[in-house]
C-alpha atoms as a PDB file:
ATOM      1  CA  MET A   1      15.209   6.460  19.749  1.00  0.00           C
ATOM      2  CA  ARG A   2      11.714   7.868  20.026  1.00  0.00           C
ATOM      3  CA  LEU A   3       9.363   8.524  17.110  1.00  0.00           C
ATOM      4  CA  GLU A   4       7.333  11.706  17.038  1.00  0.00           C
ATOM      5  CA  CYS A   5       5.049  13.088  14.350  1.00  0.00           C
ATOM      6  CA  ARG A   6       4.921  16.366  12.502  1.00  0.00           C
ATOM      7  CA  LYS A   7       2.406  17.792  10.060  1.00  0.00           C
ATOM      8  CA  VAL A   8       3.647  17.659   6.467  1.00  0.00           C
ATOM      9  CA  TYR A   9       1.562  19.292   3.737  1.00  0.00           C
ATOM     10  CA  VAL A  10       1.553  17.310   0.483  1.00  0.00           C
ATOM     11  CA  ASP A  11       0.358  17.708  -3.097  1.00  0.00           C
ATOM     12  CA  VAL A  12      -2.494  15.308  -3.885  1.00  0.00           C
ATOM     13  CA  SER A  13      -3.826  14.064  -7.217  1.00  0.00           C
ATOM     14  CA  LEU A  14      -7.431  13.031  -6.889  1.00  0.00           C
ATOM     15  CA  ASP A  15     -10.561  12.013  -8.741  1.00  0.00           C
ATOM     16  CA  VAL A  16     -13.918  13.634  -8.135  1.00  0.00           C
ATOM     17  CA  THR A  17     -16.998  11.666  -9.166  1.00  0.00           C
ATOM     18  CA  LYS A  18     -20.025  13.249 -10.784  1.00  0.00           C
ATOM     19  CA  ASP A  19     -21.857  13.009  -7.447  1.00  0.00           C
ATOM     20  CA  GLY A  20     -19.037  14.904  -5.675  1.00  0.00           C
ATOM     21  CA  ARG A  21     -17.145  12.112  -3.927  1.00  0.00           C
ATOM     22  CA  VAL A  22     -13.378  12.679  -3.691  1.00  0.00           C
ATOM     23  CA  ARG A  23     -10.846   9.869  -4.067  1.00  0.00           C
ATOM     24  CA  PRO A  24      -7.149  10.613  -3.551  1.00  0.00           C
ATOM     25  CA  ARG A  25      -4.972   8.725  -6.071  1.00  0.00           C
ATOM     26  CA  ARG A  26      -1.383   9.891  -5.477  1.00  0.00           C
ATOM     27  CA  LEU A  27       0.497  12.186  -3.170  1.00  0.00           C
ATOM     28  CA  ARG A  28       3.801  13.978  -3.585  1.00  0.00           C
ATOM     29  CA  TYR A  29       5.834  14.212  -0.394  1.00  0.00           C
ATOM     30  CA  GLU A  30       8.002  17.236   0.452  1.00  0.00           C
ATOM     31  CA  ASP A  31      11.133  15.522  -0.938  1.00  0.00           C
ATOM     32  CA  GLY A  32       9.420  14.969  -4.310  1.00  0.00           C
ATOM     33  CA  SER A  33       8.673  11.278  -3.785  1.00  0.00           C
ATOM     34  CA  ILE A  34       5.365  10.144  -5.256  1.00  0.00           C
ATOM     35  CA  TYR A  35       3.225   7.584  -3.441  1.00  0.00           C
ATOM     36  CA  VAL A  36       0.253   5.769  -4.972  1.00  0.00           C
ATOM     37  CA  VAL A  37      -2.881   5.381  -2.859  1.00  0.00           C
ATOM     38  CA  GLU A  38      -3.664   1.690  -3.278  1.00  0.00           C
ATOM     39  CA  GLN A  39      -6.921   1.735  -1.346  1.00  0.00           C
ATOM     40  CA  VAL A  40      -9.202   4.130   0.546  1.00  0.00           C
ATOM     41  CA  LYS A  41     -10.559   2.212   3.533  1.00  0.00           C
ATOM     42  CA  ASP A  42     -12.509   4.928   5.347  1.00  0.00           C
ATOM     43  CA  VAL A  43     -13.514   8.575   5.047  1.00  0.00           C
ATOM     44  CA  ARG A  44     -14.749  10.624   8.006  1.00  0.00           C
ATOM     45  CA  HIS A  45     -14.583  14.043   9.621  1.00  0.00           C
ATOM     46  CA  ALA A  46     -11.894  13.748  12.277  1.00  0.00           C
ATOM     47  CA  GLU A  47      -9.123  15.468  14.184  1.00  0.00           C
ATOM     48  CA  SER A  48      -5.435  14.648  13.977  1.00  0.00           C
ATOM     49  CA  THR A  49      -4.555  13.896  17.574  1.00  0.00           C
ATOM     50  CA  LYS A  50      -0.849  13.552  16.725  1.00  0.00           C
ATOM     51  CA  VAL A  51      -0.120  16.856  14.941  1.00  0.00           C
ATOM     52  CA  GLY A  52      -3.252  18.979  15.301  1.00  0.00           C
ATOM     53  CA  GLY A  53      -5.708  20.019  12.662  1.00  0.00           C
ATOM     54  CA  ILE A  54      -9.185  18.867  11.725  1.00  0.00           C
ATOM     55  CA  GLY A  55     -10.900  17.994   8.494  1.00  0.00           C
ATOM     56  CA  THR A  56     -11.779  15.029   6.330  1.00  0.00           C
ATOM     57  CA  ARG A  57      -9.595  12.077   7.298  1.00  0.00           C
ATOM     58  CA  TYR A  58      -8.936   9.420   4.686  1.00  0.00           C
ATOM     59  CA  THR A  59      -7.668   6.082   5.939  1.00  0.00           C
ATOM     60  CA  VAL A  60      -5.525   4.979   3.014  1.00  0.00           C
ATOM     61  CA  VAL A  61      -3.201   2.123   2.112  1.00  0.00           C
ATOM     62  CA  ILE A  62       0.162   3.156   0.610  1.00  0.00           C
ATOM     63  CA  ARG A  63       2.860   0.554  -0.073  1.00  0.00           C
ATOM     64  CA  GLY A  64       0.824  -1.958   1.910  1.00  0.00           C
ATOM     65  CA  HIS A  65       0.685   0.215   5.050  1.00  0.00           C
ATOM     66  CA  GLU A  66      -2.370   1.926   6.478  1.00  0.00           C
ATOM     67  CA  SER A  67      -2.007   5.662   7.049  1.00  0.00           C
ATOM     68  CA  TYR A  68      -4.090   8.818   7.453  1.00  0.00           C
ATOM     69  CA  LEU A  69      -4.337  11.541   4.830  1.00  0.00           C
ATOM     70  CA  PHE A  70      -6.178  14.696   5.876  1.00  0.00           C
ATOM     71  CA  ASP A  71      -7.997  17.303   3.785  1.00  0.00           C
ATOM     72  CA  GLU A  72      -7.961  20.460   5.885  1.00  0.00           C
ATOM     73  CA  ASN A  73     -10.156  22.815   3.820  1.00  0.00           C
ATOM     74  CA  GLY A  74      -8.297  22.065   0.581  1.00  0.00           C
ATOM     75  CA  LYS A  75      -4.834  21.747   2.154  1.00  0.00           C
ATOM     76  CA  TRP A  76      -3.752  18.110   2.406  1.00  0.00           C
ATOM     77  CA  PHE A  77      -1.386  16.763   5.066  1.00  0.00           C
ATOM     78  CA  VAL A  78       0.010  13.570   6.564  1.00  0.00           C
ATOM     79  CA  GLU A  79       1.314  12.765  10.026  1.00  0.00           C
ATOM     80  CA  ALA A  80       5.012  12.192   9.252  1.00  0.00           C
ATOM     81  CA  LYS A  81       7.086  10.183  11.694  1.00  0.00           C
ATOM     82  CA  VAL A  82      10.422  11.684  12.712  1.00  0.00           C
ATOM     83  CA  ALA A  83      13.067  10.285  15.047  1.00  0.00           C
ATOM     84  CA  SER A  84      13.965  12.359  18.088  1.00  0.00           C
END
């Protein structure tokens, strides 16, 4: 079985500080599951090489696993793994 990725747009709850910094707190996946962002490790402008798209890439920790969460001009997505 091979794992591939697809772009999945998600709802994101976030905090915005008075100086304009954005911190994602939770995301709601397409099946309705809610995931808490435990930590934001890095924020940078980057491209998703797995599913396409470019924007602000947040390296986040969710359920103890590091993952990328992208803000593509106000539309948030993750690189979801799917078996093929």
